[in-house]
Amino acid sequence: MKVLLFTHKNDIDGMGNAILAQLAFKEVDYELCGTFDLTSSVESYFEKDKIYQYDRIYVTDLCLEDPVLSKVAMDSKLEGKVLVFDHHKTFTDPKYTSHKFVTVKIEDEDGLCCGTSLFYKHLVSEGLIDKDNKCISEFVELTRQHDTWEWRNIYNNEKARELSILFDALGYDGYISLMTEKLKDEEVFEFNSMERILIDNRKKQISLKCEYYKDKIIYKDILGMKAGIVFITYEYRNELAEYFRENKFDMDFTMMIALDPGVVAYRSVRDGVFVRPVAEHFGGKGHEKAGSNPITEENISKILEVLTK
């Protein structure tokens, strides 16, 4: 079976799907997509009919949107070949979930869902991954805990955070390659000595960056909430938000402007504060406590107004 996977490239949840696909199938091509790049990535495969070369097409930790959603739904040659697994509340609307090939699930019996946990359960149900493989199941659970913040809110599980830190240290290709081999070869999921060195060094680097950024905050009111706005390098967004939260900075949420990928990331800092409405206000999407929007010609005036008013 020849498989094509479109998955989110921004964090370990998207990476987890690429790793699982390589464990489940012998022939896999994958496309790592930014939060707002999926439509153009899928459209590129329709060019010269490349998309029809695959027996199965998965979309994970992202959801198809129109016009490409309708294009896929109406294409008889793709019937039964495409499956979408996502967990973002934005896509629970029936205009997405009414399509039988789209699964959007926020929570199940194990807790809050993520793209990797949904894809893993599908692959297990199809007999493509052994449900008794403890190394793979723990990897999936660590990924789920980190992506849903249950690692902090419920389990206080530093190991899940360290998995994300390892991804930041290795980058896309390094992380996918290392984890694929690790899950093939090991019976228990533990960090080896070299991985531990990478994690510890990265933690020191993160600490220095957080100390630098804390003096660069601009405080503004956005939609009746106090925002801590800071220009950042995108890879530090999660750790910086956690730093603000742990140290009880005087803000409801942080608005982190990352010019390198052209994205604004939002994270709640105070309990009970939801940032998805803020992201949607600027043309974005996300979860209740984490969201983002692209920096575009359409919303740049709104962003500049917030910064300058």
Protein backbone atom coordinates (compact mmCIF):
# COMPACT_ATOMS: atom_id res chain seq x y z
CA MET A 1 0.00 0.00 0.00
CA LYS A 2 1.35 3.40 -1.00
CA VAL A 3 0.43 6.03 1.58
CA LEU A 4 0.45 9.84 1.54
CA LEU A 5 0.26 11.74 4.82
CA PHE A 6 -0.40 15.44 5.37
CA THR A 7 0.37 16.37 8.96
CA HIS A 8 1.00 19.43 11.12
CA LYS A 9 4.66 20.44 11.30
CA ASN A 10 4.64 22.77 14.29
CA ASP A 11 4.89 20.34 17.20
CA ILE A 12 5.32 16.75 18.36
CA ASP A 13 1.68 15.94 17.71
CA GLY A 14 2.10 16.42 13.98
CA MET A 15 5.46 14.65 14.07
CA GLY A 16 3.94 11.70 15.93
CA ASN A 17 1.69 10.95 12.98
CA ALA A 18 4.61 10.85 10.53
CA ILE A 19 6.40 8.44 12.87
CA LEU A 20 3.38 6.16 13.28
CA ALA A 21 2.82 6.11 9.52
CA GLN A 22 6.37 4.92 8.94
CA LEU A 23 5.92 2.19 11.55
CA ALA A 24 2.63 1.03 10.01
CA PHE A 25 3.38 1.17 6.28
CA LYS A 26 6.33 0.22 4.10
CA GLU A 27 5.87 3.01 1.55
CA VAL A 28 5.01 6.43 2.96
CA ASP A 29 5.37 9.96 1.62
CA TYR A 30 4.57 12.74 4.06
CA GLU A 31 4.08 16.47 3.78
CA LEU A 32 4.69 18.63 6.87
CA CYS A 33 2.24 21.54 6.72
CA GLY A 34 2.00 24.77 8.66
CA THR A 35 -1.27 25.56 10.41
CA PHE A 36 -2.53 27.56 7.44
CA ASP A 37 -0.76 25.74 4.59
CA LEU A 38 -2.77 22.53 4.23
CA THR A 39 -5.01 23.68 1.39
CA SER A 40 -2.12 24.75 -0.83
CA SER A 41 -0.20 21.56 -0.03
CA VAL A 42 -3.11 19.31 -0.99
CA GLU A 43 -3.85 21.37 -4.09
CA SER A 44 -0.27 20.85 -5.26
CA TYR A 45 -0.90 17.09 -5.31
CA PHE A 46 -3.92 17.54 -7.57
CA GLU A 47 -1.60 19.13 -10.11
CA LYS A 48 -0.53 16.54 -12.70
CA ASP A 49 -2.79 14.05 -10.86
CA LYS A 50 -0.11 13.15 -8.28
CA ILE A 51 -2.75 12.55 -5.62
CA TYR A 52 -4.13 9.55 -7.54
CA GLN A 53 -0.83 7.67 -7.23
CA TYR A 54 -1.66 6.74 -3.61
CA ASP A 55 -3.79 3.94 -2.18
CA ARG A 56 -4.54 5.80 1.06
CA ILE A 57 -4.31 9.49 1.98
CA TYR A 58 -4.32 10.64 5.59
CA VAL A 59 -4.67 14.15 7.01
CA THR A 60 -3.74 14.33 10.70
CA ASP A 61 -3.73 17.07 13.34
CA LEU A 62 -5.23 19.31 10.65
CA CYS A 63 -8.56 19.41 8.84
CA LEU A 64 -9.39 19.93 5.19
CA GLU A 65 -11.22 23.15 4.44
CA ASP A 66 -13.00 24.43 1.36
CA PRO A 67 -12.36 24.58 -1.49
CA VAL A 68 -10.22 21.45 -1.20
CA LEU A 69 -12.61 19.71 1.23
CA SER A 70 -15.44 19.80 -1.31
CA LYS A 71 -13.03 18.89 -4.09
CA VAL A 72 -12.01 15.71 -2.26
CA ALA A 73 -15.59 14.87 -1.28
CA MET A 74 -16.84 15.09 -4.88
CA ASP A 75 -13.93 13.21 -6.48
CA SER A 76 -15.10 9.65 -7.18
CA LYS A 77 -11.51 8.50 -7.75
CA LEU A 78 -10.68 9.39 -4.12
CA GLU A 79 -13.73 7.73 -2.58
CA GLY A 80 -12.67 5.49 0.30
CA LYS A 81 -9.05 6.60 0.06
CA VAL A 82 -9.00 9.75 2.22
CA LEU A 83 -9.24 9.86 6.03
CA VAL A 84 -8.94 12.96 8.22
CA PHE A 85 -8.18 12.86 11.97
CA ASP A 86 -8.25 16.14 13.90
CA HIS A 87 -9.02 17.37 17.41
CA HIS A 88 -9.38 21.15 17.08
CA LYS A 89 -12.70 22.56 18.26
CA THR A 90 -12.83 24.89 15.26
CA PHE A 91 -13.58 21.87 13.06
CA THR A 92 -16.41 20.31 15.08
CA ASP A 93 -18.81 22.28 12.87
CA PRO A 94 -21.05 19.95 10.79
CA LYS A 95 -19.75 21.52 7.58
CA TYR A 96 -16.60 19.49 8.28
CA THR A 97 -17.85 16.49 10.25
CA SER A 98 -20.78 15.75 7.93
CA HIS A 99 -18.24 14.18 5.58
CA LYS A 100 -17.86 10.52 6.56
CA PHE A 101 -14.11 10.58 5.93
CA VAL A 102 -13.58 13.38 8.50
CA THR A 103 -13.16 12.49 12.19
CA VAL A 104 -12.91 15.40 14.64
CA LYS A 105 -12.88 14.31 18.27
CA ILE A 106 -12.05 16.52 21.26
CA GLU A 107 -12.18 13.95 24.06
CA ASP A 108 -12.56 10.21 24.56
CA GLU A 109 -12.26 7.67 27.38
CA ASP A 110 -8.53 8.39 27.77
CA GLY A 111 -8.90 12.16 28.12
CA LEU A 112 -8.43 14.99 25.65
CA CYS A 113 -7.50 13.77 22.18
CA CYS A 114 -4.68 14.82 19.92
CA GLY A 115 -3.95 14.00 16.30
CA THR A 116 -1.43 11.31 17.22
CA SER A 117 -3.75 9.54 19.66
CA LEU A 118 -6.60 9.48 17.10
CA PHE A 119 -4.35 8.20 14.32
CA TYR A 120 -2.80 5.61 16.64
CA LYS A 121 -6.22 4.19 17.58
CA HIS A 122 -7.16 3.98 13.91
CA LEU A 123 -3.95 2.12 13.05
CA VAL A 124 -4.43 -0.26 15.99
CA SER A 125 -8.03 -0.94 14.95
CA GLU A 126 -6.81 -1.77 11.45
CA GLY A 127 -4.19 -4.17 12.83
CA LEU A 128 -1.39 -2.00 11.46
CA ILE A 129 0.24 -1.33 14.84
CA ASP A 130 0.44 -3.75 17.76
CA LYS A 131 -1.69 -2.44 20.63
CA ASP A 132 0.51 -4.36 23.10
CA ASN A 133 3.70 -2.54 22.09
CA LYS A 134 4.35 -0.58 25.28
CA CYS A 135 7.08 1.60 23.80
CA ILE A 136 4.78 2.91 21.07
CA SER A 137 1.79 3.32 23.38
CA GLU A 138 3.83 5.35 25.88
CA PHE A 139 5.21 7.53 23.10
CA VAL A 140 1.65 8.24 21.97
CA GLU A 141 0.52 8.99 25.52
CA LEU A 142 3.44 11.38 26.15
CA THR A 143 2.59 13.14 22.90
CA ARG A 144 -1.08 13.36 23.88
CA GLN A 145 -0.30 14.70 27.34
CA HIS A 146 1.97 17.39 25.98
CA ASP A 147 -0.33 18.52 23.20
CA THR A 148 -3.36 18.78 25.52
CA TRP A 149 -1.37 20.21 28.46
CA GLU A 150 -2.51 17.32 30.63
CA TRP A 151 1.20 16.79 31.35
CA ARG A 152 0.97 19.91 33.52
CA ASN A 153 -2.72 20.21 34.43
CA ILE A 154 -3.23 16.59 35.53
CA TYR A 155 -0.09 14.45 35.57
CA ASN A 156 2.80 16.85 36.28
CA ASN A 157 4.73 14.69 33.83
CA GLU A 158 8.05 16.33 32.95
CA LYS A 159 8.87 13.47 30.59
CA ALA A 160 6.17 14.65 28.16
CA ARG A 161 7.61 18.16 28.16
CA GLU A 162 11.09 16.77 27.62
CA LEU A 163 9.89 14.89 24.55
CA SER A 164 8.85 18.22 23.03
CA ILE A 165 12.16 19.78 24.04
CA LEU A 166 13.98 16.94 22.27
CA PHE A 167 11.99 17.70 19.12
CA ASP A 168 13.03 21.35 19.31
CA ALA A 169 16.66 20.27 19.67
CA LEU A 170 16.58 17.82 16.75
CA GLY A 171 14.28 19.53 14.24
CA TYR A 172 11.74 17.85 11.95
CA ASP A 173 13.83 15.28 10.12
CA GLY A 174 16.08 14.43 13.05
CA TYR A 175 13.14 13.85 15.39
CA ILE A 176 11.15 11.73 12.93
CA SER A 177 14.19 9.61 12.08
CA LEU A 178 15.29 9.12 15.70
CA MET A 179 11.84 8.30 17.05
CA THR A 180 10.99 5.92 14.21
CA GLU A 181 14.10 3.84 14.92
CA LYS A 182 13.65 4.13 18.67
CA LEU A 183 10.10 2.77 18.54
CA LYS A 184 11.18 -0.07 16.26
CA ASP A 185 14.04 -1.20 18.49
CA GLU A 186 13.12 -0.53 22.12
CA GLU A 187 10.65 -2.22 24.44
CA VAL A 188 10.38 0.63 26.96
CA PHE A 189 10.34 4.32 26.15
CA GLU A 190 13.26 5.97 27.94
CA PHE A 191 15.70 8.72 26.96
CA ASN A 192 19.23 7.45 26.43
CA SER A 193 22.35 9.33 27.54
CA MET A 194 22.77 11.24 24.27
CA GLU A 195 19.11 12.26 24.20
CA ARG A 196 19.41 13.39 27.83
CA ILE A 197 22.39 15.62 26.95
CA LEU A 198 20.39 17.21 24.11
CA ILE A 199 17.41 17.80 26.40
CA ASP A 200 19.48 19.31 29.23
CA ASN A 201 21.40 21.59 26.88
CA ARG A 202 18.18 22.73 25.29
CA LYS A 203 16.66 23.48 28.70
CA LYS A 204 19.58 25.79 29.48
CA GLN A 205 19.11 27.56 26.16
CA ILE A 206 15.37 27.95 26.83
CA SER A 207 16.05 29.43 30.26
CA LEU A 208 18.36 32.06 28.78
CA LYS A 209 15.81 32.93 26.08
CA CYS A 210 12.99 33.31 28.61
CA GLU A 211 15.13 35.65 30.71
CA TYR A 212 15.77 37.72 27.58
CA TYR A 213 12.13 37.87 26.46
CA LYS A 214 10.71 38.78 29.86
CA ASP A 215 12.10 42.31 29.50
CA LYS A 216 10.62 42.77 26.03
CA ILE A 217 6.90 42.47 26.90
CA ILE A 218 4.39 45.06 25.69
CA TYR A 219 1.16 45.09 27.71
CA LYS A 220 -2.08 45.90 25.87
CA ASP A 221 -5.82 45.35 26.26
CA ILE A 222 -7.30 42.98 23.66
CA LEU A 223 -11.00 42.04 23.71
CA GLY A 224 -11.24 43.11 27.35
CA MET A 225 -8.26 41.01 28.49
CA LYS A 226 -4.70 41.93 29.41
CA ALA A 227 -2.28 40.65 26.80
CA GLY A 228 1.47 40.33 27.17
CA ILE A 229 2.79 40.90 23.65
CA VAL A 230 6.31 39.89 22.69
CA PHE A 231 8.22 39.41 19.44
CA ILE A 232 9.81 35.95 19.52
CA THR A 233 11.49 33.20 17.56
CA TYR A 234 8.63 30.79 16.90
CA GLU A 235 10.29 27.68 18.35
CA TYR A 236 10.20 29.17 21.87
CA ARG A 237 6.45 29.88 21.98
CA ASN A 238 5.36 27.00 24.25
CA GLU A 239 8.23 27.25 26.69
CA LEU A 240 7.90 31.02 26.97
CA ALA A 241 4.18 30.74 27.68
CA GLU A 242 4.89 28.15 30.35
CA TYR A 243 7.53 30.47 31.85
CA PHE A 244 4.99 33.30 32.06
CA ARG A 245 2.47 30.95 33.66
CA GLU A 246 4.84 29.44 36.21
CA ASN A 247 6.13 32.85 37.26
CA LYS A 248 2.64 34.39 37.45
CA PHE A 249 3.26 37.27 35.06
CA ASP A 250 0.57 39.95 35.18
CA MET A 251 -1.26 39.01 31.99
CA ASP A 252 -4.34 37.01 31.02
CA PHE A 253 -2.69 35.60 27.93
CA THR A 254 0.40 36.09 25.83
CA MET A 255 0.39 37.17 22.20
CA MET A 256 3.67 36.04 20.66
CA ILE A 257 4.51 37.53 17.28
CA ALA A 258 6.89 35.33 15.31
CA LEU A 259 8.01 37.02 12.12
CA ASP A 260 10.15 34.08 10.97
CA PRO A 261 7.15 31.94 9.88
CA GLY A 262 4.74 34.92 9.80
CA VAL A 263 2.52 33.65 12.62
CA VAL A 264 1.05 35.05 15.84
CA ALA A 265 0.71 32.45 18.61
CA TYR A 266 -1.61 32.85 21.62
CA ARG A 267 -1.40 30.99 24.93
CA SER A 268 -3.50 31.48 28.05
CA VAL A 269 -1.51 32.39 31.14
CA ARG A 270 -4.29 32.63 33.72
CA ASP A 271 -6.69 29.78 34.47
CA GLY A 272 -10.12 30.27 32.92
CA VAL A 273 -8.82 32.46 30.08
CA PHE A 274 -9.62 31.23 26.56
CA VAL A 275 -7.61 32.50 23.61
CA ARG A 276 -9.37 30.85 20.68
CA PRO A 277 -11.73 33.88 20.30
CA VAL A 278 -8.67 36.14 20.10
CA ALA A 279 -7.07 33.99 17.41
CA GLU A 280 -10.36 33.94 15.47
CA HIS A 281 -10.64 37.73 15.80
CA PHE A 282 -7.39 37.98 13.85
CA GLY A 283 -8.39 35.36 11.28
CA GLY A 284 -6.93 32.30 13.01
CA LYS A 285 -8.05 29.21 14.92
CA GLY A 286 -7.01 26.79 17.64
CA HIS A 287 -7.90 25.37 21.04
CA GLU A 288 -9.41 27.14 24.04
CA LYS A 289 -6.00 27.85 25.60
CA ALA A 290 -3.77 27.83 22.52
CA GLY A 291 -4.33 29.33 19.11
CA SER A 292 -2.65 31.14 16.25
CA ASN A 293 -3.25 33.22 13.17
CA PRO A 294 -1.14 33.98 10.10
CA ILE A 295 0.21 37.46 9.54
CA THR A 296 -1.49 38.46 6.30
CA GLU A 297 -2.31 41.59 4.35
CA GLU A 298 -5.90 41.23 5.59
CA ASN A 299 -5.11 41.28 9.33
CA ILE A 300 -1.88 43.28 9.55
CA SER A 301 -3.80 46.52 10.15
CA LYS A 302 -5.60 44.93 13.13
CA ILE A 303 -2.30 43.75 14.60
CA LEU A 304 -0.66 47.15 14.11
CA GLU A 305 -3.65 48.87 15.72
CA VAL A 306 -3.22 46.72 18.84
CA LEU A 307 0.48 47.52 19.00
CA THR A 308 0.19 51.25 18.46
CA LYS A 309 -3.06 52.36 20.08
